[in-house]
Amino acid sequence: MSTTNKQNLARNKINVSSQQYLDIAEIKENTVIMRDGTLRAVILISSINFALKSEDEQNAIISAYVSFLNNIDFPLQIVIQSRELNIDGYIKSLQEKGKVQTNELLKMQTNEYIQYINELISMSKIMNKRFYIVIPYNPMSDKQKKFFSRVLDVLKPATLIKMKEEKFRRRRLELTRRIDNAIGGLNSIGLNAVELDTQGLIELYYNCYNPSTSANQKLADVDELRLSGN
């Protein structure tokens, strides 16, 4: 066996073994399905500069936050993610504008601004913070099936698949209720909140598990990857 083939086999073994440790079974229809059958939804939230608010505004925000927590009857997780800001797209757009600029003075100023931005980035890393709320749904586990029930499931796989889809719909409906409740409470605090769709969830978890790779290798659209819930 050649050295290249050995390296490929070793790499494949590493990939398979690492995937076994992931708790995520599937991502579809704006929902993360865990291996244990529980569901997750992720809400992206805007931020506010609390320190710049007046005392009355700060008290109002605190009061609204307390009310938000008191109205929540389910667990949730608040996640703050810090990532190095990627402004390649911004730099590229400036370069394109500089090329089509007819005014020589503005063209020169655009190029100088691009150079300034590149030097600023090279001297220090610019970090970007994002705020998320993870909302879970953990249904009660089914009772252990009897022997004949398990035999019937084996003989009727199509029915089993249909039941799994129906079960997902019921659980997703309850998860949607929690999402709406959380977004309404966050809006009362003055925060903008939006639920991540399937594409956003895939990119979020891909960036979390592959921080170095994701900086250089971008994911294609979810429709191109054929990973949508349709």
C-alpha atoms as a PDB file:
ATOM      1  CA  MET A   1       0.000   0.000   0.000  1.00  0.00           C
ATOM      2  CA  SER A   2       1.353   3.415  -0.958  1.00  0.00           C
ATOM      3  CA  THR A   3       2.036   6.175   1.552  1.00  0.00           C
ATOM      4  CA  THR A   4      -0.757   8.321   0.101  1.00  0.00           C
ATOM      5  CA  ASN A   5      -3.345   5.564   0.543  1.00  0.00           C
ATOM      6  CA  LYS A   6      -2.236   4.995   4.121  1.00  0.00           C
ATOM      7  CA  GLN A   7      -2.598   8.701   4.869  1.00  0.00           C
ATOM      8  CA  ASN A   8      -6.085   8.779   3.322  1.00  0.00           C
ATOM      9  CA  LEU A   9      -7.177   5.760   5.374  1.00  0.00           C
ATOM     10  CA  ALA A  10      -5.822   7.311   8.560  1.00  0.00           C
ATOM     11  CA  ARG A  11      -7.593  10.578   7.805  1.00  0.00           C
ATOM     12  CA  ASN A  12     -10.893   8.781   7.180  1.00  0.00           C
ATOM     13  CA  LYS A  13     -10.572   6.890  10.470  1.00  0.00           C
ATOM     14  CA  ILE A  14     -10.025  10.165  12.322  1.00  0.00           C
ATOM     15  CA  ASN A  15     -13.082  11.752  10.680  1.00  0.00           C
ATOM     16  CA  VAL A  16     -15.322   8.789  11.509  1.00  0.00           C
ATOM     17  CA  SER A  17     -14.157   8.614  15.118  1.00  0.00           C
ATOM     18  CA  SER A  18     -14.656  12.354  15.655  1.00  0.00           C
ATOM     19  CA  GLN A  19     -18.192  12.264  14.234  1.00  0.00           C
ATOM     20  CA  GLN A  20     -19.118   9.589  16.770  1.00  0.00           C
ATOM     21  CA  TYR A  21     -18.610  12.105  19.573  1.00  0.00           C
ATOM     22  CA  LEU A  22     -20.996  14.694  18.119  1.00  0.00           C
ATOM     23  CA  ASP A  23     -24.341  14.923  19.900  1.00  0.00           C
ATOM     24  CA  ILE A  24     -26.091  16.253  16.781  1.00  0.00           C
ATOM     25  CA  ALA A  25     -27.978  13.698  14.699  1.00  0.00           C
ATOM     26  CA  GLU A  26     -29.542  16.020  12.114  1.00  0.00           C
ATOM     27  CA  ILE A  27     -30.339  19.652  11.318  1.00  0.00           C
ATOM     28  CA  LYS A  28     -33.549  20.322   9.433  1.00  0.00           C
ATOM     29  CA  GLU A  29     -36.434  22.784   9.323  1.00  0.00           C
ATOM     30  CA  ASN A  30     -34.637  25.319  11.553  1.00  0.00           C
ATOM     31  CA  THR A  31     -34.204  22.626  14.212  1.00  0.00           C
ATOM     32  CA  VAL A  32     -31.215  20.783  15.671  1.00  0.00           C
ATOM     33  CA  ILE A  33     -32.133  17.168  16.380  1.00  0.00           C
ATOM     34  CA  MET A  34     -29.918  15.566  19.011  1.00  0.00           C
ATOM     35  CA  ARG A  35     -29.014  11.908  19.177  1.00  0.00           C
ATOM     36  CA  ASP A  36     -31.144  11.436  22.279  1.00  0.00           C
ATOM     37  CA  GLY A  37     -34.260  12.680  20.443  1.00  0.00           C
ATOM     38  CA  THR A  38     -34.354  16.133  22.023  1.00  0.00           C
ATOM     39  CA  LEU A  39     -34.625  19.284  19.915  1.00  0.00           C
ATOM     40  CA  ARG A  40     -32.779  22.594  19.940  1.00  0.00           C
ATOM     41  CA  ALA A  41     -33.542  25.993  18.441  1.00  0.00           C
ATOM     42  CA  VAL A  42     -31.108  28.906  18.427  1.00  0.00           C
ATOM     43  CA  ILE A  43     -32.068  32.586  18.577  1.00  0.00           C
ATOM     44  CA  LEU A  44     -29.626  35.315  17.515  1.00  0.00           C
ATOM     45  CA  ILE A  45     -29.963  38.432  19.677  1.00  0.00           C
ATOM     46  CA  SER A  46     -28.830  42.009  19.234  1.00  0.00           C
ATOM     47  CA  SER A  47     -26.932  43.831  21.972  1.00  0.00           C
ATOM     48  CA  ILE A  48     -27.467  47.118  23.813  1.00  0.00           C
ATOM     49  CA  ASN A  49     -24.913  49.357  25.486  1.00  0.00           C
ATOM     50  CA  PHE A  50     -26.244  49.241  29.032  1.00  0.00           C
ATOM     51  CA  ALA A  51     -23.576  51.621  30.391  1.00  0.00           C
ATOM     52  CA  LEU A  52     -24.691  54.460  28.082  1.00  0.00           C
ATOM     53  CA  LYS A  53     -28.301  54.288  29.240  1.00  0.00           C
ATOM     54  CA  SER A  54     -29.696  56.676  31.824  1.00  0.00           C
ATOM     55  CA  GLU A  55     -30.521  55.400  35.295  1.00  0.00           C
ATOM     56  CA  ASP A  56     -34.237  55.251  34.500  1.00  0.00           C
ATOM     57  CA  GLU A  57     -33.556  53.340  31.278  1.00  0.00           C
ATOM     58  CA  GLN A  58     -31.263  50.908  33.101  1.00  0.00           C
ATOM     59  CA  ASN A  59     -33.915  50.246  35.727  1.00  0.00           C
ATOM     60  CA  ALA A  60     -36.511  49.683  33.008  1.00  0.00           C
ATOM     61  CA  ILE A  61     -34.224  47.197  31.235  1.00  0.00           C
ATOM     62  CA  ILE A  62     -33.527  45.314  34.480  1.00  0.00           C
ATOM     63  CA  SER A  63     -37.227  45.185  35.298  1.00  0.00           C
ATOM     64  CA  ALA A  64     -38.062  43.888  31.807  1.00  0.00           C
ATOM     65  CA  TYR A  65     -35.302  41.268  32.066  1.00  0.00           C
ATOM     66  CA  VAL A  66     -36.622  40.043  35.428  1.00  0.00           C
ATOM     67  CA  SER A  67     -40.117  39.842  33.948  1.00  0.00           C
ATOM     68  CA  PHE A  68     -38.722  37.894  30.978  1.00  0.00           C
ATOM     69  CA  LEU A  69     -37.090  35.323  33.283  1.00  0.00           C
ATOM     70  CA  ASN A  70     -40.203  34.991  35.437  1.00  0.00           C
ATOM     71  CA  ASN A  71     -42.385  34.274  32.390  1.00  0.00           C
ATOM     72  CA  ILE A  72     -40.098  31.518  31.089  1.00  0.00           C
ATOM     73  CA  ASP A  73     -41.282  28.061  32.172  1.00  0.00           C
ATOM     74  CA  PHE A  74     -38.528  26.093  30.430  1.00  0.00           C
ATOM     75  CA  PRO A  75     -34.717  25.970  30.617  1.00  0.00           C
ATOM     76  CA  LEU A  76     -32.593  27.970  28.188  1.00  0.00           C
ATOM     77  CA  GLN A  77     -28.906  28.597  27.586  1.00  0.00           C
ATOM     78  CA  ILE A  78     -27.309  31.997  26.950  1.00  0.00           C
ATOM     79  CA  VAL A  79     -24.208  31.776  24.750  1.00  0.00           C
ATOM     80  CA  ILE A  80     -21.730  34.571  23.958  1.00  0.00           C
ATOM     81  CA  GLN A  81     -19.443  33.799  21.037  1.00  0.00           C
ATOM     82  CA  SER A  82     -16.295  35.796  20.284  1.00  0.00           C
ATOM     83  CA  ARG A  83     -14.796  35.370  16.834  1.00  0.00           C
ATOM     84  CA  GLU A  84     -12.163  37.199  14.855  1.00  0.00           C
ATOM     85  CA  LEU A  85     -13.976  39.599  12.568  1.00  0.00           C
ATOM     86  CA  ASN A  86     -13.707  38.639   8.906  1.00  0.00           C
ATOM     87  CA  ILE A  87     -13.972  41.721   6.692  1.00  0.00           C
ATOM     88  CA  ASP A  88     -12.737  40.170   3.439  1.00  0.00           C
ATOM     89  CA  GLY A  89     -16.099  40.857   1.829  1.00  0.00           C
ATOM     90  CA  TYR A  90     -15.983  44.500   2.928  1.00  0.00           C
ATOM     91  CA  ILE A  91     -12.455  44.937   1.552  1.00  0.00           C
ATOM     92  CA  LYS A  92     -13.476  43.301  -1.716  1.00  0.00           C
ATOM     93  CA  SER A  93     -16.461  45.626  -2.100  1.00  0.00           C
ATOM     94  CA  LEU A  94     -14.200  48.658  -1.516  1.00  0.00           C
ATOM     95  CA  GLN A  95     -11.752  47.426  -4.128  1.00  0.00           C
ATOM     96  CA  GLU A  96     -14.553  47.016  -6.664  1.00  0.00           C
ATOM     97  CA  LYS A  97     -15.825  50.516  -5.923  1.00  0.00           C
ATOM     98  CA  GLY A  98     -12.298  51.878  -6.328  1.00  0.00           C
ATOM     99  CA  LYS A  99     -11.967  50.285  -9.762  1.00  0.00           C
ATOM    100  CA  VAL A 100     -15.127  51.886 -11.126  1.00  0.00           C
ATOM    101  CA  GLN A 101     -14.485  55.272  -9.500  1.00  0.00           C
ATOM    102  CA  THR A 102     -14.019  57.964 -12.171  1.00  0.00           C
ATOM    103  CA  ASN A 103     -12.922  60.706  -9.806  1.00  0.00           C
ATOM    104  CA  GLU A 104      -9.158  60.294  -9.364  1.00  0.00           C
ATOM    105  CA  LEU A 105      -9.147  61.964  -5.939  1.00  0.00           C
ATOM    106  CA  LEU A 106     -11.896  59.690  -4.603  1.00  0.00           C
ATOM    107  CA  LYS A 107     -10.184  56.681  -6.178  1.00  0.00           C
ATOM    108  CA  MET A 108      -6.923  57.541  -4.423  1.00  0.00           C
ATOM    109  CA  GLN A 109      -8.715  58.088  -1.100  1.00  0.00           C
ATOM    110  CA  THR A 110     -10.501  54.737  -1.434  1.00  0.00           C
ATOM    111  CA  ASN A 111      -7.197  52.930  -2.025  1.00  0.00           C
ATOM    112  CA  GLU A 112      -5.617  54.702   0.949  1.00  0.00           C
ATOM    113  CA  TYR A 113      -8.560  53.731   3.126  1.00  0.00           C
ATOM    114  CA  ILE A 114      -8.206  50.081   2.045  1.00  0.00           C
ATOM    115  CA  GLN A 115      -4.512  50.204   2.918  1.00  0.00           C
ATOM    116  CA  TYR A 116      -5.311  51.735   6.308  1.00  0.00           C
ATOM    117  CA  ILE A 117      -7.844  48.990   7.097  1.00  0.00           C
ATOM    118  CA  ASN A 118      -5.367  46.258   6.108  1.00  0.00           C
ATOM    119  CA  GLU A 119      -2.660  47.780   8.317  1.00  0.00           C
ATOM    120  CA  LEU A 120      -5.091  48.107  11.214  1.00  0.00           C
ATOM    121  CA  ILE A 121      -6.047  44.431  10.940  1.00  0.00           C
ATOM    122  CA  SER A 122      -2.410  43.320  10.714  1.00  0.00           C
ATOM    123  CA  MET A 123      -1.535  45.146  13.952  1.00  0.00           C
ATOM    124  CA  SER A 124      -4.355  43.750  16.096  1.00  0.00           C
ATOM    125  CA  LYS A 125      -7.190  41.277  15.828  1.00  0.00           C
ATOM    126  CA  ILE A 126     -10.647  42.771  15.666  1.00  0.00           C
ATOM    127  CA  MET A 127     -13.115  40.593  17.549  1.00  0.00           C
ATOM    128  CA  ASN A 128     -16.803  40.289  16.914  1.00  0.00           C
ATOM    129  CA  LYS A 129     -19.236  39.191  19.617  1.00  0.00           C
ATOM    130  CA  ARG A 130     -22.515  37.451  18.941  1.00  0.00           C
ATOM    131  CA  PHE A 131     -25.205  36.593  21.453  1.00  0.00           C
ATOM    132  CA  TYR A 132     -27.413  33.522  21.245  1.00  0.00           C
ATOM    133  CA  ILE A 133     -30.118  31.845  23.267  1.00  0.00           C
ATOM    134  CA  VAL A 134     -30.440  28.073  22.862  1.00  0.00           C
ATOM    135  CA  ILE A 135     -33.947  26.766  23.511  1.00  0.00           C
ATOM    136  CA  PRO A 136     -34.309  23.023  24.102  1.00  0.00           C
ATOM    137  CA  TYR A 137     -37.277  20.708  24.030  1.00  0.00           C
ATOM    138  CA  ASN A 138     -36.898  17.443  25.917  1.00  0.00           C
ATOM    139  CA  PRO A 139     -40.050  15.302  25.669  1.00  0.00           C
ATOM    140  CA  MET A 140     -40.767  12.528  28.116  1.00  0.00           C
ATOM    141  CA  SER A 141     -39.116   9.316  26.985  1.00  0.00           C
ATOM    142  CA  ASP A 142     -41.393   6.642  25.564  1.00  0.00           C
ATOM    143  CA  LYS A 143     -42.122   3.631  27.663  1.00  0.00           C
ATOM    144  CA  GLN A 144     -40.175   0.530  26.760  1.00  0.00           C
ATOM    145  CA  LYS A 145     -41.936  -1.342  23.998  1.00  0.00           C
ATOM    146  CA  LYS A 146     -43.049  -4.884  24.430  1.00  0.00           C
ATOM    147  CA  PHE A 147     -41.561  -7.665  22.327  1.00  0.00           C
ATOM    148  CA  PHE A 148     -44.422  -7.911  19.826  1.00  0.00           C
ATOM    149  CA  SER A 149     -44.444  -4.139  19.324  1.00  0.00           C
ATOM    150  CA  ARG A 150     -40.770  -4.202  18.375  1.00  0.00           C
ATOM    151  CA  VAL A 151     -41.423  -7.081  15.950  1.00  0.00           C
ATOM    152  CA  LEU A 152     -44.221  -5.124  14.261  1.00  0.00           C
ATOM    153  CA  ASP A 153     -41.903  -2.096  13.888  1.00  0.00           C
ATOM    154  CA  VAL A 154     -39.388  -4.294  12.071  1.00  0.00           C
ATOM    155  CA  LEU A 155     -42.063  -5.685   9.759  1.00  0.00           C
ATOM    156  CA  LYS A 156     -43.516  -2.224   9.031  1.00  0.00           C
ATOM    157  CA  PRO A 157     -40.552   0.166   8.555  1.00  0.00           C
ATOM    158  CA  ALA A 158     -42.598   2.622   6.459  1.00  0.00           C
ATOM    159  CA  THR A 159     -45.076   3.070   9.295  1.00  0.00           C
ATOM    160  CA  LEU A 160     -42.224   3.605  11.752  1.00  0.00           C
ATOM    161  CA  ILE A 161     -40.740   6.354   9.582  1.00  0.00           C
ATOM    162  CA  LYS A 162     -44.127   8.042   9.325  1.00  0.00           C
ATOM    163  CA  MET A 163     -44.543   7.927  13.094  1.00  0.00           C
ATOM    164  CA  LYS A 164     -41.109   9.465  13.579  1.00  0.00           C
ATOM    165  CA  GLU A 165     -42.058  12.343  11.276  1.00  0.00           C
ATOM    166  CA  GLU A 166     -45.349  12.866  13.113  1.00  0.00           C
ATOM    167  CA  LYS A 167     -43.491  12.839  16.431  1.00  0.00           C
ATOM    168  CA  PHE A 168     -41.066  15.451  15.117  1.00  0.00           C
ATOM    169  CA  ARG A 169     -43.979  17.671  14.065  1.00  0.00           C
ATOM    170  CA  ARG A 170     -45.523  17.510  17.544  1.00  0.00           C
ATOM    171  CA  ARG A 171     -42.237  18.267  19.260  1.00  0.00           C
ATOM    172  CA  ARG A 172     -41.426  21.071  16.823  1.00  0.00           C
ATOM    173  CA  LEU A 173     -44.829  22.645  17.554  1.00  0.00           C
ATOM    174  CA  GLU A 174     -44.023  22.777  21.265  1.00  0.00           C
ATOM    175  CA  LEU A 175     -40.556  24.141  20.498  1.00  0.00           C
ATOM    176  CA  THR A 176     -42.110  26.871  18.328  1.00  0.00           C
ATOM    177  CA  ARG A 177     -44.286  27.926  21.273  1.00  0.00           C
ATOM    178  CA  ARG A 178     -41.177  28.346  23.400  1.00  0.00           C
ATOM    179  CA  ILE A 179     -39.409  30.288  20.646  1.00  0.00           C
ATOM    180  CA  ASP A 180     -42.292  32.736  20.278  1.00  0.00           C
ATOM    181  CA  ASN A 181     -42.440  33.174  24.049  1.00  0.00           C
ATOM    182  CA  ALA A 182     -38.706  33.913  24.264  1.00  0.00           C
ATOM    183  CA  ILE A 183     -38.657  36.316  21.309  1.00  0.00           C
ATOM    184  CA  GLY A 184     -41.623  38.234  22.721  1.00  0.00           C
ATOM    185  CA  GLY A 185     -39.867  38.603  26.064  1.00  0.00           C
ATOM    186  CA  LEU A 186     -36.619  39.700  24.458  1.00  0.00           C
ATOM    187  CA  ASN A 187     -38.446  42.307  22.374  1.00  0.00           C
ATOM    188  CA  SER A 188     -39.938  43.745  25.563  1.00  0.00           C
ATOM    189  CA  ILE A 189     -36.391  44.368  26.809  1.00  0.00           C
ATOM    190  CA  GLY A 190     -35.570  46.278  23.624  1.00  0.00           C
ATOM    191  CA  LEU A 191     -33.568  43.497  21.973  1.00  0.00           C
ATOM    192  CA  ASN A 192     -34.000  42.332  18.410  1.00  0.00           C
ATOM    193  CA  ALA A 193     -34.192  38.550  18.205  1.00  0.00           C
ATOM    194  CA  VAL A 194     -34.470  36.200  15.234  1.00  0.00           C
ATOM    195  CA  GLU A 195     -34.517  32.419  15.025  1.00  0.00           C
ATOM    196  CA  LEU A 196     -31.670  30.904  13.018  1.00  0.00           C
ATOM    197  CA  ASP A 197     -32.815  28.995   9.943  1.00  0.00           C
ATOM    198  CA  THR A 198     -31.329  25.693   8.758  1.00  0.00           C
ATOM    199  CA  GLN A 199     -28.513  27.404   6.862  1.00  0.00           C
ATOM    200  CA  GLY A 200     -27.651  29.589   9.853  1.00  0.00           C
ATOM    201  CA  LEU A 201     -27.622  26.595  12.218  1.00  0.00           C
ATOM    202  CA  ILE A 202     -25.314  24.600   9.957  1.00  0.00           C
ATOM    203  CA  GLU A 203     -22.901  27.511   9.661  1.00  0.00           C
ATOM    204  CA  LEU A 204     -23.001  28.175  13.422  1.00  0.00           C
ATOM    205  CA  TYR A 205     -22.154  24.615  14.430  1.00  0.00           C
ATOM    206  CA  TYR A 206     -19.654  24.236  11.586  1.00  0.00           C
ATOM    207  CA  ASN A 207     -17.817  27.338  12.817  1.00  0.00           C
ATOM    208  CA  CYS A 208     -17.934  26.086  16.417  1.00  0.00           C
ATOM    209  CA  TYR A 209     -16.503  22.663  15.653  1.00  0.00           C
ATOM    210  CA  ASN A 210     -14.095  23.852  12.926  1.00  0.00           C
ATOM    211  CA  PRO A 211     -12.895  27.348  13.943  1.00  0.00           C
ATOM    212  CA  SER A 212      -9.653  27.244  11.943  1.00  0.00           C
ATOM    213  CA  THR A 213     -11.085  25.543   8.864  1.00  0.00           C
ATOM    214  CA  SER A 214     -14.175  27.755   8.672  1.00  0.00           C
ATOM    215  CA  ALA A 215     -12.032  30.886   8.419  1.00  0.00           C
ATOM    216  CA  ASN A 216     -10.670  29.751   5.038  1.00  0.00           C
ATOM    217  CA  GLN A 217     -13.352  27.373   3.774  1.00  0.00           C
ATOM    218  CA  LYS A 218     -16.884  28.728   3.528  1.00  0.00           C
ATOM    219  CA  LEU A 219     -19.950  26.521   3.383  1.00  0.00           C
ATOM    220  CA  ALA A 220     -22.169  26.472   0.323  1.00  0.00           C
ATOM    221  CA  ASP A 221     -25.831  27.385   0.545  1.00  0.00           C
ATOM    222  CA  VAL A 222     -27.992  24.796   2.246  1.00  0.00           C
ATOM    223  CA  ASP A 223     -29.979  24.196  -0.959  1.00  0.00           C
ATOM    224  CA  GLU A 224     -26.757  23.448  -2.839  1.00  0.00           C
ATOM    225  CA  LEU A 225     -25.717  21.031  -0.103  1.00  0.00           C
ATOM    226  CA  ARG A 226     -29.164  19.392  -0.299  1.00  0.00           C
ATOM    227  CA  LEU A 227     -29.449  19.395   3.481  1.00  0.00           C
ATOM    228  CA  SER A 228     -32.712  21.267   3.778  1.00  0.00           C
ATOM    229  CA  GLY A 229     -35.638  19.751   5.554  1.00  0.00           C
ATOM    230  CA  ASN A 230     -37.680  19.470   2.334  1.00  0.00           C
END
